[in-house]
PDB file of N, CA and C in Angstrom:
ATOM      1  N   MET A   1    -224.634  66.472 122.991  1.00  0.00           N
ATOM      2  CA  MET A   1    -224.835  67.518 122.025  1.00  0.00           C
ATOM      3  C   MET A   1    -223.915  68.710 122.306  1.00  0.00           C
ATOM      4  N   LEU A   2    -223.776  69.093 123.567  1.00  0.00           N
ATOM      5  CA  LEU A   2    -222.874  70.177 123.938  1.00  0.00           C
ATOM      6  C   LEU A   2    -221.435  69.798 123.609  1.00  0.00           C
ATOM      7  N   LYS A   3    -221.106  68.539 123.815  1.00  0.00           N
ATOM      8  CA  LYS A   3    -219.766  68.033 123.504  1.00  0.00           C
ATOM      9  C   LYS A   3    -219.436  68.271 122.029  1.00  0.00           C
ATOM     10  N   ILE A   4    -220.356  67.928 121.152  1.00  0.00           N
ATOM     11  CA  ILE A   4    -220.140  68.089 119.711  1.00  0.00           C
ATOM     12  C   ILE A   4    -220.035  69.569 119.344  1.00  0.00           C
ATOM     13  N   LEU A   5    -220.875  70.407 119.936  1.00  0.00           N
ATOM     14  CA  LEU A   5    -220.835  71.843 119.670  1.00  0.00           C
ATOM     15  C   LEU A   5    -219.486  72.432 120.076  1.00  0.00           C
ATOM     16  N   LEU A   6    -219.010  72.090 121.270  1.00  0.00           N
ATOM     17  CA  LEU A   6    -217.721  72.600 121.732  1.00  0.00           C
ATOM     18  C   LEU A   6    -216.587  72.138 120.822  1.00  0.00           C
ATOM     19  N   GLN A   7    -216.628  70.886 120.405  1.00  0.00           N
ATOM     20  CA  GLN A   7    -215.579  70.375 119.528  1.00  0.00           C
ATOM     21  C   GLN A   7    -215.623  71.060 118.161  1.00  0.00           C
ATOM     22  N   LYS A   8    -216.798  71.357 117.655  1.00  0.00           N
ATOM     23  CA  LYS A   8    -216.904  72.075 116.382  1.00  0.00           C
ATOM     24  C   LYS A   8    -216.375  73.505 116.515  1.00  0.00           C
ATOM     25  N   LEU A   9    -216.630  74.142 117.650  1.00  0.00           N
ATOM     26  CA  LEU A   9    -216.098  75.488 117.882  1.00  0.00           C
ATOM     27  C   LEU A   9    -214.574  75.466 117.959  1.00  0.00           C
ATOM     28  N   ILE A  10    -214.017  74.441 118.578  1.00  0.00           N
ATOM     29  CA  ILE A  10    -212.559  74.314 118.650  1.00  0.00           C
ATOM     30  C   ILE A  10    -211.985  74.123 117.251  1.00  0.00           C
ATOM     31  N   LYS A  11    -212.600  73.266 116.445  1.00  0.00           N
ATOM     32  CA  LYS A  11    -212.143  73.049 115.066  1.00  0.00           C
ATOM     33  C   LYS A  11    -212.233  74.348 114.260  1.00  0.00           C
ATOM     34  N   LEU A  12    -213.301  75.111 114.448  1.00  0.00           N
ATOM     35  CA  LEU A  12    -213.441  76.396 113.765  1.00  0.00           C
ATOM     36  C   LEU A  12    -212.306  77.334 114.168  1.00  0.00           C
ATOM     37  N   TYR A  13    -212.002  77.395 115.451  1.00  0.00           N
ATOM     38  CA  TYR A  13    -210.879  78.198 115.937  1.00  0.00           C
ATOM     39  C   TYR A  13    -209.577  77.742 115.282  1.00  0.00           C
ATOM     40  N   GLN A  14    -209.356  76.420 115.229  1.00  0.00           N
ATOM     41  CA  GLN A  14    -208.124  75.883 114.657  1.00  0.00           C
ATOM     42  C   GLN A  14    -207.980  76.221 113.173  1.00  0.00           C
ATOM     43  N   LEU A  15    -209.087  76.288 112.462  1.00  0.00           N
ATOM     44  CA  LEU A  15    -209.038  76.569 111.028  1.00  0.00           C
ATOM     45  C   LEU A  15    -208.971  78.057 110.702  1.00  0.00           C
ATOM     46  N   THR A  16    -209.481  78.910 111.587  1.00  0.00           N
ATOM     47  CA  THR A  16    -209.573  80.334 111.268  1.00  0.00           C
ATOM     48  C   THR A  16    -208.607  81.213 112.057  1.00  0.00           C
ATOM     49  N   ILE A  17    -208.610  81.117 113.355  1.00  0.00           N
ATOM     50  CA  ILE A  17    -207.826  82.028 114.197  1.00  0.00           C
ATOM     51  C   ILE A  17    -206.419  81.508 114.466  1.00  0.00           C
ATOM     52  N   SER A  18    -206.296  80.239 114.754  1.00  0.00           N
ATOM     53  CA  SER A  18    -205.004  79.662 115.115  1.00  0.00           C
ATOM     54  C   SER A  18    -203.912  79.889 114.063  1.00  0.00           C
ATOM     55  N   PRO A  19    -204.204  79.751 112.760  1.00  0.00           N
ATOM     56  CA  PRO A  19    -203.148  80.005 111.773  1.00  0.00           C
ATOM     57  C   PRO A  19    -202.629  81.445 111.799  1.00  0.00           C
ATOM     58  N   LEU A  20    -203.471  82.386 112.190  1.00  0.00           N
ATOM     59  CA  LEU A  20    -203.051  83.786 112.267  1.00  0.00           C
ATOM     60  C   LEU A  20    -202.106  84.031 113.441  1.00  0.00           C
ATOM     61  N   LEU A  21    -202.250  83.235 114.503  1.00  0.00           N
ATOM     62  CA  LEU A  21    -201.424  83.405 115.699  1.00  0.00           C
ATOM     63  C   LEU A  21    -200.080  82.703 115.583  1.00  0.00           C
ATOM     64  N   GLY A  22    -200.002  81.701 114.731  1.00  0.00           N
ATOM     65  CA  GLY A  22    -198.763  80.943 114.592  1.00  0.00           C
ATOM     66  C   GLY A  22    -198.628  79.906 115.691  1.00  0.00           C
ATOM     67  N   ASN A  23    -197.533  79.196 115.667  1.00  0.00           N
ATOM     68  CA  ASN A  23    -197.279  78.128 116.639  1.00  0.00           C
ATOM     69  C   ASN A  23    -196.691  78.740 117.908  1.00  0.00           C
ATOM     70  N   CYS A  24    -197.544  79.086 118.857  1.00  0.00           N
ATOM     71  CA  CYS A  24    -197.066  79.768 120.059  1.00  0.00           C
ATOM     72  C   CYS A  24    -197.335  78.983 121.338  1.00  0.00           C
ATOM     73  N   CYS A  25    -197.882  77.777 121.230  1.00  0.00           N
ATOM     74  CA  CYS A  25    -198.190  76.991 122.421  1.00  0.00           C
ATOM     75  C   CYS A  25    -196.923  76.331 122.960  1.00  0.00           C
ATOM     76  N   ARG A  26    -196.745  76.362 124.267  1.00  0.00           N
ATOM     77  CA  ARG A  26    -195.569  75.788 124.912  1.00  0.00           C
ATOM     78  C   ARG A  26    -195.726  74.299 125.182  1.00  0.00           C
ATOM     79  N   PHE A  27    -196.902  73.770 124.965  1.00  0.00           N
ATOM     80  CA  PHE A  27    -197.185  72.377 125.295  1.00  0.00           C
ATOM     81  C   PHE A  27    -197.403  71.542 124.037  1.00  0.00           C
ATOM     82  N   SER A  28    -197.296  70.261 124.222  1.00  0.00           N
ATOM     83  CA  SER A  28    -197.659  69.304 123.190  1.00  0.00           C
ATOM     84  C   SER A  28    -198.605  68.294 123.821  1.00  0.00           C
ATOM     85  N   PRO A  29    -199.785  68.096 123.292  1.00  0.00           N
ATOM     86  CA  PRO A  29    -200.388  68.732 122.126  1.00  0.00           C
ATOM     87  C   PRO A  29    -200.720  70.196 122.410  1.00  0.00           C
ATOM     88  N   SER A  30    -201.045  70.926 121.350  1.00  0.00           N
ATOM     89  CA  SER A  30    -201.381  72.344 121.516  1.00  0.00           C
ATOM     90  C   SER A  30    -202.583  72.487 122.454  1.00  0.00           C
ATOM     91  N   CYS A  31    -202.782  73.669 122.963  1.00  0.00           N
ATOM     92  CA  CYS A  31    -203.879  73.898 123.916  1.00  0.00           C
ATOM     93  C   CYS A  31    -205.243  73.583 123.303  1.00  0.00           C
ATOM     94  N   SER A  32    -205.441  73.943 122.042  1.00  0.00           N
ATOM     95  CA  SER A  32    -206.736  73.653 121.424  1.00  0.00           C
ATOM     96  C   SER A  32    -206.915  72.152 121.206  1.00  0.00           C
ATOM     97  N   ASN A  33    -205.856  71.454 120.809  1.00  0.00           N
ATOM     98  CA  ASN A  33    -205.949  69.995 120.668  1.00  0.00           C
ATOM     99  C   ASN A  33    -206.180  69.335 122.022  1.00  0.00           C
ATOM    100  N   TYR A  34    -205.513  69.839 123.049  1.00  0.00           N
ATOM    101  CA  TYR A  34    -205.696  69.309 124.403  1.00  0.00           C
ATOM    102  C   TYR A  34    -207.158  69.444 124.820  1.00  0.00           C
ATOM    103  N   CYS A  35    -207.729  70.618 124.601  1.00  0.00           N
ATOM    104  CA  CYS A  35    -209.122  70.860 124.980  1.00  0.00           C
ATOM    105  C   CYS A  35    -210.056  69.932 124.203  1.00  0.00           C
ATOM    106  N   TYR A  36    -209.806  69.777 122.915  1.00  0.00           N
ATOM    107  CA  TYR A  36    -210.617  68.877 122.089  1.00  0.00           C
ATOM    108  C   TYR A  36    -210.555  67.455 122.632  1.00  0.00           C
ATOM    109  N   LEU A  37    -209.336  66.979 122.933  1.00  0.00           N
ATOM    110  CA  LEU A  37    -209.156  65.618 123.447  1.00  0.00           C
ATOM    111  C   LEU A  37    -209.763  65.449 124.837  1.00  0.00           C
ATOM    112  N   ALA A  38    -209.631  66.472 125.680  1.00  0.00           N
ATOM    113  CA  ALA A  38    -210.195  66.399 127.032  1.00  0.00           C
ATOM    114  C   ALA A  38    -211.720  66.323 126.977  1.00  0.00           C
ATOM    115  N   ILE A  39    -212.328  67.079 126.076  1.00  0.00           N
ATOM    116  CA  ILE A  39    -213.783  67.024 125.919  1.00  0.00           C
ATOM    117  C   ILE A  39    -214.189  65.647 125.411  1.00  0.00           C
ATOM    118  N   GLU A  40    -213.417  65.099 124.495  1.00  0.00           N
ATOM    119  CA  GLU A  40    -213.705  63.757 123.973  1.00  0.00           C
ATOM    120  C   GLU A  40    -213.616  62.707 125.082  1.00  0.00           C
ATOM    121  N   LYS A  41    -212.603  62.828 125.929  1.00  0.00           N
ATOM    122  CA  LYS A  41    -212.349  61.819 126.963  1.00  0.00           C
ATOM    123  C   LYS A  41    -213.259  61.962 128.180  1.00  0.00           C
ATOM    124  N   TYR A  42    -213.474  63.197 128.655  1.00  0.00           N
ATOM    125  CA  TYR A  42    -214.173  63.425 129.920  1.00  0.00           C
ATOM    126  C   TYR A  42    -215.569  64.024 129.789  1.00  0.00           C
ATOM    127  N   GLY A  43    -215.968  64.408 128.589  1.00  0.00           N
ATOM    128  CA  GLY A  43    -217.265  65.044 128.415  1.00  0.00           C
ATOM    129  C   GLY A  43    -217.135  66.559 128.402  1.00  0.00           C
ATOM    130  N   ALA A  44    -218.249  67.239 128.149  1.00  0.00           N
ATOM    131  CA  ALA A  44    -218.232  68.687 127.934  1.00  0.00           C
ATOM    132  C   ALA A  44    -217.783  69.476 129.165  1.00  0.00           C
ATOM    133  N   ALA A  45    -218.365  69.222 130.318  1.00  0.00           N
ATOM    134  CA  ALA A  45    -218.088  70.047 131.504  1.00  0.00           C
ATOM    135  C   ALA A  45    -216.654  69.881 131.997  1.00  0.00           C
ATOM    136  N   LYS A  46    -216.260  68.661 132.307  1.00  0.00           N
ATOM    137  CA  LYS A  46    -214.912  68.439 132.835  1.00  0.00           C
ATOM    138  C   LYS A  46    -213.854  68.723 131.772  1.00  0.00           C
ATOM    139  N   GLY A  47    -214.118  68.332 130.528  1.00  0.00           N
ATOM    140  CA  GLY A  47    -213.164  68.577 129.450  1.00  0.00           C
ATOM    141  C   GLY A  47    -212.927  70.057 129.220  1.00  0.00           C
ATOM    142  N   LEU A  48    -214.001  70.848 129.242  1.00  0.00           N
ATOM    143  CA  LEU A  48    -213.865  72.295 129.070  1.00  0.00           C
ATOM    144  C   LEU A  48    -213.098  72.898 130.243  1.00  0.00           C
ATOM    145  N   TRP A  49    -213.391  72.452 131.459  1.00  0.00           N
ATOM    146  CA  TRP A  49    -212.678  72.945 132.642  1.00  0.00           C
ATOM    147  C   TRP A  49    -211.182  72.642 132.533  1.00  0.00           C
ATOM    148  N   LEU A  50    -210.833  71.414 132.133  1.00  0.00           N
ATOM    149  CA  LEU A  50    -209.423  71.047 131.971  1.00  0.00           C
ATOM    150  C   LEU A  50    -208.766  71.887 130.875  1.00  0.00           C
ATOM    151  N   GLY A  51    -209.504  72.145 129.797  1.00  0.00           N
ATOM    152  CA  GLY A  51    -208.978  72.976 128.718  1.00  0.00           C
ATOM    153  C   GLY A  51    -208.712  74.405 129.164  1.00  0.00           C
ATOM    154  N   ILE A  52    -209.615  74.964 129.946  1.00  0.00           N
ATOM    155  CA  ILE A  52    -209.429  76.328 130.455  1.00  0.00           C
ATOM    156  C   ILE A  52    -208.221  76.389 131.385  1.00  0.00           C
ATOM    157  N   LYS A  53    -208.101  75.390 132.265  1.00  0.00           N
ATOM    158  CA  LYS A  53    -206.937  75.354 133.160  1.00  0.00           C
ATOM    159  C   LYS A  53    -205.644  75.283 132.354  1.00  0.00           C
ATOM    160  N   ARG A  54    -205.642  74.507 131.295  1.00  0.00           N
ATOM    161  CA  ARG A  54    -204.460  74.351 130.452  1.00  0.00           C
ATOM    162  C   ARG A  54    -204.094  75.667 129.770  1.00  0.00           C
ATOM    163  N   ILE A  55    -205.093  76.390 129.272  1.00  0.00           N
ATOM    164  CA  ILE A  55    -204.838  77.668 128.610  1.00  0.00           C
ATOM    165  C   ILE A  55    -204.197  78.649 129.587  1.00  0.00           C
ATOM    166  N   PHE A  56    -204.638  78.651 130.843  1.00  0.00           N
ATOM    167  CA  PHE A  56    -204.038  79.540 131.838  1.00  0.00           C
ATOM    168  C   PHE A  56    -202.611  79.128 132.191  1.00  0.00           C
ATOM    169  N   LYS A  57    -202.288  77.837 132.033  1.00  0.00           N
ATOM    170  CA  LYS A  57    -200.918  77.377 132.293  1.00  0.00           C
ATOM    171  C   LYS A  57    -199.979  77.725 131.146  1.00  0.00           C
ATOM    172  N   CYS A  58    -200.514  77.996 129.968  1.00  0.00           N
ATOM    173  CA  CYS A  58    -199.702  78.275 128.782  1.00  0.00           C
ATOM    174  C   CYS A  58    -199.331  79.758 128.779  1.00  0.00           C
ATOM    175  N   ASN A  59    -198.219  80.066 129.412  1.00  0.00           N
ATOM    176  CA  ASN A  59    -197.772  81.447 129.511  1.00  0.00           C
ATOM    177  C   ASN A  59    -196.248  81.491 129.455  1.00  0.00           C
ATOM    178  N   PRO A  60    -195.653  82.663 129.313  1.00  0.00           N
ATOM    179  CA  PRO A  60    -194.196  82.760 129.175  1.00  0.00           C
ATOM    180  C   PRO A  60    -193.407  82.226 130.371  1.00  0.00           C
ATOM    181  N   TRP A  61    -194.032  82.108 131.530  1.00  0.00           N
ATOM    182  CA  TRP A  61    -193.315  81.646 132.717  1.00  0.00           C
ATOM    183  C   TRP A  61    -193.423  80.141 132.923  1.00  0.00           C
ATOM    184  N   SER A  62    -194.166  79.473 132.057  1.00  0.00           N
ATOM    185  CA  SER A  62    -194.339  78.025 132.150  1.00  0.00           C
ATOM    186  C   SER A  62    -193.278  77.317 131.310  1.00  0.00           C
ATOM    187  N   LYS A  63    -192.785  76.194 131.815  1.00  0.00           N
ATOM    188  CA  LYS A  63    -191.808  75.421 131.048  1.00  0.00           C
ATOM    189  C   LYS A  63    -192.459  74.719 129.869  1.00  0.00           C
ATOM    190  N   GLY A  64    -193.751  74.426 129.981  1.00  0.00           N
ATOM    191  CA  GLY A  64    -194.438  73.712 128.912  1.00  0.00           C
ATOM    192  C   GLY A  64    -194.090  72.239 128.947  1.00  0.00           C
ATOM    193  N   GLY A  65    -194.082  71.594 127.790  1.00  0.00           N
ATOM    194  CA  GLY A  65    -193.751  70.185 127.700  1.00  0.00           C
ATOM    195  C   GLY A  65    -194.917  69.355 127.214  1.00  0.00           C
ATOM    196  N   ILE A  66    -194.810  68.060 127.405  1.00  0.00           N
ATOM    197  CA  ILE A  66    -195.861  67.138 126.973  1.00  0.00           C
ATOM    198  C   ILE A  66    -196.873  66.988 128.097  1.00  0.00           C
ATOM    199  N   ASP A  67    -198.138  67.185 127.762  1.00  0.00           N
ATOM    200  CA  ASP A  67    -199.209  67.143 128.754  1.00  0.00           C
ATOM    201  C   ASP A  67    -200.446  66.567 128.081  1.00  0.00           C
ATOM    202  N   GLN A  68    -200.741  65.314 128.345  1.00  0.00           N
ATOM    203  CA  GLN A  68    -201.902  64.651 127.748  1.00  0.00           C
ATOM    204  C   GLN A  68    -203.102  64.756 128.690  1.00  0.00           C
ATOM    205  N   PRO A  69    -204.314  64.864 128.117  1.00  0.00           N
ATOM    206  CA  PRO A  69    -205.510  64.921 128.980  1.00  0.00           C
ATOM    207  C   PRO A  69    -205.793  63.591 129.650  1.00  0.00           C
TER     208      PRO A  69
END
């Protein structure tokens, strides 16, 4: 149930806030897609943790690139 709630919150973010920010993620897939996929693959706790770590890696000093969960 928590897994579904987190994924719905990510989708809400993608539909409302993300378009306002533009395409600014250095990674592929985007950080929000990565978090969604990580939650799908590993469950709510580990997936959310991996998503948070990924968001902290997405900064101007990171090379970015392809990073799958």
